[in-house]
PDB file of N, CA and C in Angstrom:
ATOM      1  N   MET A   1       9.489 -15.096 -37.119  1.00  0.00           N
ATOM      2  CA  MET A   1       8.068 -15.558 -36.466  1.00  0.00           C
ATOM      3  C   MET A   1       8.568 -14.778 -35.269  1.00  0.00           C
ATOM      4  N   ILE A   2       7.284 -13.641 -34.643  1.00  0.00           N
ATOM      5  CA  ILE A   2       7.295 -13.090 -33.380  1.00  0.00           C
ATOM      6  C   ILE A   2       6.611 -13.810 -32.749  1.00  0.00           C
ATOM      7  N   THR A   3       7.078 -14.107 -31.302  1.00  0.00           N
ATOM      8  CA  THR A   3       6.672 -15.222 -30.411  1.00  0.00           C
ATOM      9  C   THR A   3       5.796 -14.090 -29.572  1.00  0.00           C
ATOM     10  N   ARG A   4       4.741 -14.357 -28.091  1.00  0.00           N
ATOM     11  CA  ARG A   4       4.732 -13.570 -27.050  1.00  0.00           C
ATOM     12  C   ARG A   4       5.686 -13.514 -26.372  1.00  0.00           C
ATOM     13  N   LEU A   5       6.753 -14.198 -26.458  1.00  0.00           N
ATOM     14  CA  LEU A   5       7.516 -14.279 -25.502  1.00  0.00           C
ATOM     15  C   LEU A   5       8.618 -13.194 -26.314  1.00  0.00           C
ATOM     16  N   HIS A   6       8.924 -13.049 -27.303  1.00  0.00           N
ATOM     17  CA  HIS A   6       9.797 -11.914 -27.918  1.00  0.00           C
ATOM     18  C   HIS A   6       8.859 -10.556 -27.377  1.00  0.00           C
ATOM     19  N   LEU A   7       7.780 -10.604 -27.844  1.00  0.00           N
ATOM     20  CA  LEU A   7       7.064  -9.327 -27.308  1.00  0.00           C
ATOM     21  C   LEU A   7       6.952  -8.827 -26.091  1.00  0.00           C
ATOM     22  N   TYR A   8       6.960  -9.948 -25.354  1.00  0.00           N
ATOM     23  CA  TYR A   8       6.952  -9.376 -23.649  1.00  0.00           C
ATOM     24  C   TYR A   8       8.536  -8.996 -22.878  1.00  0.00           C
ATOM     25  N   GLY A   9       9.582  -9.719 -24.350  1.00  0.00           N
ATOM     26  CA  GLY A   9      10.868  -9.388 -23.911  1.00  0.00           C
ATOM     27  C   GLY A   9      11.101  -7.809 -24.236  1.00  0.00           C
ATOM     28  N   LYS A  10      10.270  -7.224 -25.595  1.00  0.00           N
ATOM     29  CA  LYS A  10      10.556  -6.092 -25.783  1.00  0.00           C
ATOM     30  C   LYS A  10       9.653  -4.870 -25.008  1.00  0.00           C
ATOM     31  N   TRP A  11       8.909  -5.368 -24.487  1.00  0.00           N
ATOM     32  CA  TRP A  11       8.141  -4.450 -23.966  1.00  0.00           C
ATOM     33  C   TRP A  11       8.582  -4.459 -22.268  1.00  0.00           C
ATOM     34  N   ILE A  12       9.058  -5.454 -22.069  1.00  0.00           N
ATOM     35  CA  ILE A  12      10.176  -5.401 -20.531  1.00  0.00           C
ATOM     36  C   ILE A  12      10.698  -4.601 -20.071  1.00  0.00           C
ATOM     37  N   LYS A  13      11.665  -4.456 -21.287  1.00  0.00           N
ATOM     38  CA  LYS A  13      13.048  -3.531 -21.425  1.00  0.00           C
ATOM     39  C   LYS A  13      12.394  -2.258 -21.870  1.00  0.00           C
ATOM     40  N   LYS A  14      11.357  -1.888 -22.206  1.00  0.00           N
ATOM     41  CA  LYS A  14      10.380  -0.308 -22.079  1.00  0.00           C
ATOM     42  C   LYS A  14       9.828   0.588 -20.810  1.00  0.00           C
ATOM     43  N   CYS A  15       9.636  -0.732 -19.915  1.00  0.00           N
ATOM     44  CA  CYS A  15       9.201  -0.492 -18.714  1.00  0.00           C
ATOM     45  C   CYS A  15      10.335   0.012 -17.773  1.00  0.00           C
ATOM     46  N   ASP A  16       9.540   1.356 -16.582  1.00  0.00           N
ATOM     47  CA  ASP A  16      10.496   1.666 -15.466  1.00  0.00           C
ATOM     48  C   ASP A  16      10.463   1.284 -14.645  1.00  0.00           C
ATOM     49  N   HIS A  17      11.017  -0.122 -14.626  1.00  0.00           N
ATOM     50  CA  HIS A  17      10.948  -0.772 -13.365  1.00  0.00           C
ATOM     51  C   HIS A  17      10.712  -0.284 -11.482  1.00  0.00           C
ATOM     52  N   ALA A  18      11.792   0.993 -11.856  1.00  0.00           N
ATOM     53  CA  ALA A  18      11.142   1.470 -10.535  1.00  0.00           C
ATOM     54  C   ALA A  18      10.109   2.592  -9.986  1.00  0.00           C
ATOM     55  N   LYS A  19       9.752   2.765 -11.048  1.00  0.00           N
ATOM     56  CA  LYS A  19       8.844   3.751 -11.010  1.00  0.00           C
ATOM     57  C   LYS A  19       7.725   3.101 -10.886  1.00  0.00           C
ATOM     58  N   MET A  20       7.070   1.612 -11.470  1.00  0.00           N
ATOM     59  CA  MET A  20       6.699   0.816 -11.266  1.00  0.00           C
ATOM     60  C   MET A  20       6.307   0.198  -9.780  1.00  0.00           C
ATOM     61  N   TYR A  21       7.700  -0.232  -9.337  1.00  0.00           N
ATOM     62  CA  TYR A  21       7.494  -0.632  -7.488  1.00  0.00           C
ATOM     63  C   TYR A  21       7.303   0.348  -7.029  1.00  0.00           C
ATOM     64  N   GLU A  22       7.518   1.710  -7.184  1.00  0.00           N
ATOM     65  CA  GLU A  22       7.420   2.529  -5.974  1.00  0.00           C
ATOM     66  C   GLU A  22       5.648   2.742  -6.394  1.00  0.00           C
ATOM     67  N   LYS A  23       4.816   3.031  -7.350  1.00  0.00           N
ATOM     68  CA  LYS A  23       3.702   3.278  -6.990  1.00  0.00           C
ATOM     69  C   LYS A  23       2.521   1.663  -6.339  1.00  0.00           C
ATOM     70  N   ILE A  24       3.384   1.109  -6.663  1.00  0.00           N
ATOM     71  CA  ILE A  24       3.037  -0.380  -6.356  1.00  0.00           C
ATOM     72  C   ILE A  24       2.929  -0.333  -4.715  1.00  0.00           C
ATOM     73  N   SER A  25       4.329   0.180  -5.032  1.00  0.00           N
ATOM     74  CA  SER A  25       4.711   0.431  -2.688  1.00  0.00           C
ATOM     75  C   SER A  25       3.602   1.478  -2.111  1.00  0.00           C
ATOM     76  N   ASP A  26       3.567   2.303  -3.132  1.00  0.00           N
ATOM     77  CA  ASP A  26       2.548   3.548  -2.395  1.00  0.00           C
ATOM     78  C   ASP A  26       0.915   2.970  -2.528  1.00  0.00           C
ATOM     79  N   GLU A  27       0.705   2.238  -3.431  1.00  0.00           N
ATOM     80  CA  GLU A  27      -0.445   1.854  -3.341  1.00  0.00           C
ATOM     81  C   GLU A  27      -0.902   1.131  -2.022  1.00  0.00           C
ATOM     82  N   ASN A  28       0.046  -0.053  -1.608  1.00  0.00           N
ATOM     83  CA  ASN A  28       0.553  -1.052  -0.252  1.00  0.00           C
ATOM     84  C   ASN A  28       0.825  -0.444   0.956  1.00  0.00           C
ATOM     85  N   LEU A  29       1.408   0.870   0.933  1.00  0.00           N
ATOM     86  CA  LEU A  29       1.429   1.575   2.225  1.00  0.00           C
ATOM     87  C   LEU A  29      -0.142   1.920   2.702  1.00  0.00           C
ATOM     88  N   ALA A  30      -0.813   3.083   1.243  1.00  0.00           N
ATOM     89  CA  ALA A  30      -2.113   3.359   2.028  1.00  0.00           C
ATOM     90  C   ALA A  30      -3.266   2.126   1.971  1.00  0.00           C
ATOM     91  N   LEU A  31      -2.800   1.384   1.749  1.00  0.00           N
ATOM     92  CA  LEU A  31      -4.070  -0.570   2.111  1.00  0.00           C
ATOM     93  C   LEU A  31      -3.744  -0.636   3.150  1.00  0.00           C
ATOM     94  N   MET A  32      -2.420  -0.903   3.973  1.00  0.00           N
ATOM     95  CA  MET A  32      -1.943  -0.733   5.012  1.00  0.00           C
ATOM     96  C   MET A  32      -2.468  -0.037   5.892  1.00  0.00           C
ATOM     97  N   ARG A  33      -2.374   1.396   5.697  1.00  0.00           N
ATOM     98  CA  ARG A  33      -2.644   1.946   6.886  1.00  0.00           C
ATOM     99  C   ARG A  33      -4.294   2.243   6.747  1.00  0.00           C
ATOM    100  N   GLU A  34      -5.266   2.206   5.979  1.00  0.00           N
ATOM    101  CA  GLU A  34      -6.430   1.856   5.592  1.00  0.00           C
ATOM    102  C   GLU A  34      -6.617   0.856   6.721  1.00  0.00           C
ATOM    103  N   ARG A  35      -6.643   0.038   6.981  1.00  0.00           N
ATOM    104  CA  ARG A  35      -6.844  -1.194   7.838  1.00  0.00           C
ATOM    105  C   ARG A  35      -5.798  -0.963   8.574  1.00  0.00           C
ATOM    106  N   LEU A  36      -5.492  -0.785   8.900  1.00  0.00           N
ATOM    107  CA  LEU A  36      -4.699  -0.376  10.435  1.00  0.00           C
ATOM    108  C   LEU A  36      -6.020   0.211  10.981  1.00  0.00           C
ATOM    109  N   MET A  37      -6.472   1.573  10.331  1.00  0.00           N
ATOM    110  CA  MET A  37      -7.272   2.778  10.920  1.00  0.00           C
ATOM    111  C   MET A  37      -9.024   1.279  11.394  1.00  0.00           C
ATOM    112  N   GLU A  38      -8.919   1.017  10.601  1.00  0.00           N
ATOM    113  CA  GLU A  38     -10.019  -0.077  10.638  1.00  0.00           C
ATOM    114  C   GLU A  38      -9.945  -1.270  11.522  1.00  0.00           C
ATOM    115  N   THR A  39      -8.820  -1.442  12.081  1.00  0.00           N
ATOM    116  CA  THR A  39      -8.803  -2.540  12.738  1.00  0.00           C
ATOM    117  C   THR A  39      -8.557  -2.085  14.102  1.00  0.00           C
ATOM    118  N   VAL A  40      -7.676  -1.045  14.201  1.00  0.00           N
ATOM    119  CA  VAL A  40      -6.991  -0.752  15.702  1.00  0.00           C
ATOM    120  C   VAL A  40      -8.429   0.019  16.376  1.00  0.00           C
ATOM    121  N   ILE A  41      -8.368  -0.874  18.113  1.00  0.00           N
ATOM    122  CA  ILE A  41      -9.866   0.068  18.543  1.00  0.00           C
ATOM    123  C   ILE A  41      -8.992   1.442  19.255  1.00  0.00           C
ATOM    124  N   TRP A  42      -9.574   2.414  18.886  1.00  0.00           N
ATOM    125  CA  TRP A  42      -8.870   3.583  19.754  1.00  0.00           C
ATOM    126  C   TRP A  42      -9.321   4.131  20.848  1.00  0.00           C
ATOM    127  N   PRO A  43      -8.800   4.456  22.004  1.00  0.00           N
ATOM    128  CA  PRO A  43      -9.415   4.721  23.323  1.00  0.00           C
ATOM    129  C   PRO A  43     -10.058   5.798  22.800  1.00  0.00           C
ATOM    130  N   THR A  44     -11.142   6.141  23.443  1.00  0.00           N
ATOM    131  CA  THR A  44     -11.850   7.743  23.623  1.00  0.00           C
ATOM    132  C   THR A  44     -10.914   8.390  24.583  1.00  0.00           C
ATOM    133  N   ASP A  45     -11.520   9.755  24.105  1.00  0.00           N
ATOM    134  CA  ASP A  45     -11.343  10.747  25.519  1.00  0.00           C
ATOM    135  C   ASP A  45     -11.933  10.413  26.374  1.00  0.00           C
ATOM    136  N   ASP A  46     -12.787  10.075  26.569  1.00  0.00           N
ATOM    137  CA  ASP A  46     -13.868   9.898  27.878  1.00  0.00           C
ATOM    138  C   ASP A  46     -13.099   9.241  29.116  1.00  0.00           C
ATOM    139  N   THR A  47     -12.007   8.503  28.430  1.00  0.00           N
ATOM    140  CA  THR A  47     -10.982   8.124  29.742  1.00  0.00           C
ATOM    141  C   THR A  47     -10.393   8.892  30.768  1.00  0.00           C
ATOM    142  N   ASN A  48      -9.947   9.903  30.422  1.00  0.00           N
ATOM    143  CA  ASN A  48      -8.954  10.647  31.338  1.00  0.00           C
ATOM    144  C   ASN A  48     -10.097  11.472  32.182  1.00  0.00           C
ATOM    145  N   THR A  49     -11.388  11.471  31.644  1.00  0.00           N
ATOM    146  CA  THR A  49     -12.198  12.169  32.631  1.00  0.00           C
ATOM    147  C   THR A  49     -13.171  11.889  33.934  1.00  0.00           C
ATOM    148  N   GLU A  50     -12.627  10.872  34.330  1.00  0.00           N
ATOM    149  CA  GLU A  50     -12.992  10.651  35.541  1.00  0.00           C
ATOM    150  C   GLU A  50     -12.564  11.030  36.399  1.00  0.00           C
ATOM    151  N   LYS A  51     -13.702  11.187  37.698  1.00  0.00           N
ATOM    152  CA  LYS A  51     -13.294  11.852  38.392  1.00  0.00           C
ATOM    153  C   LYS A  51     -12.322  10.855  39.701  1.00  0.00           C
ATOM    154  N   ILE A  52     -11.833  10.991  40.214  1.00  0.00           N
ATOM    155  CA  ILE A  52     -10.898  10.344  41.982  1.00  0.00           C
ATOM    156  C   ILE A  52     -11.462  10.422  43.083  1.00  0.00           C
ATOM    157  N   GLY A  53     -12.246   9.655  43.094  1.00  0.00           N
ATOM    158  CA  GLY A  53     -12.683   9.671  44.830  1.00  0.00           C
ATOM    159  C   GLY A  53     -13.719  10.466  44.835  1.00  0.00           C
TER     160      GLY A  53
END
């Protein structure tokens, strides 16, 4: 009798875990960069153009 656990065991052995981990890490890094760009308040260039005195 073939169970789901048996099929899962066969499937998990065929996977390239390092490649899957690298892909997930790259996706997470891209998401973190995107969220950082959305949340950080970047200074404008106008701050250095003020005249002193």
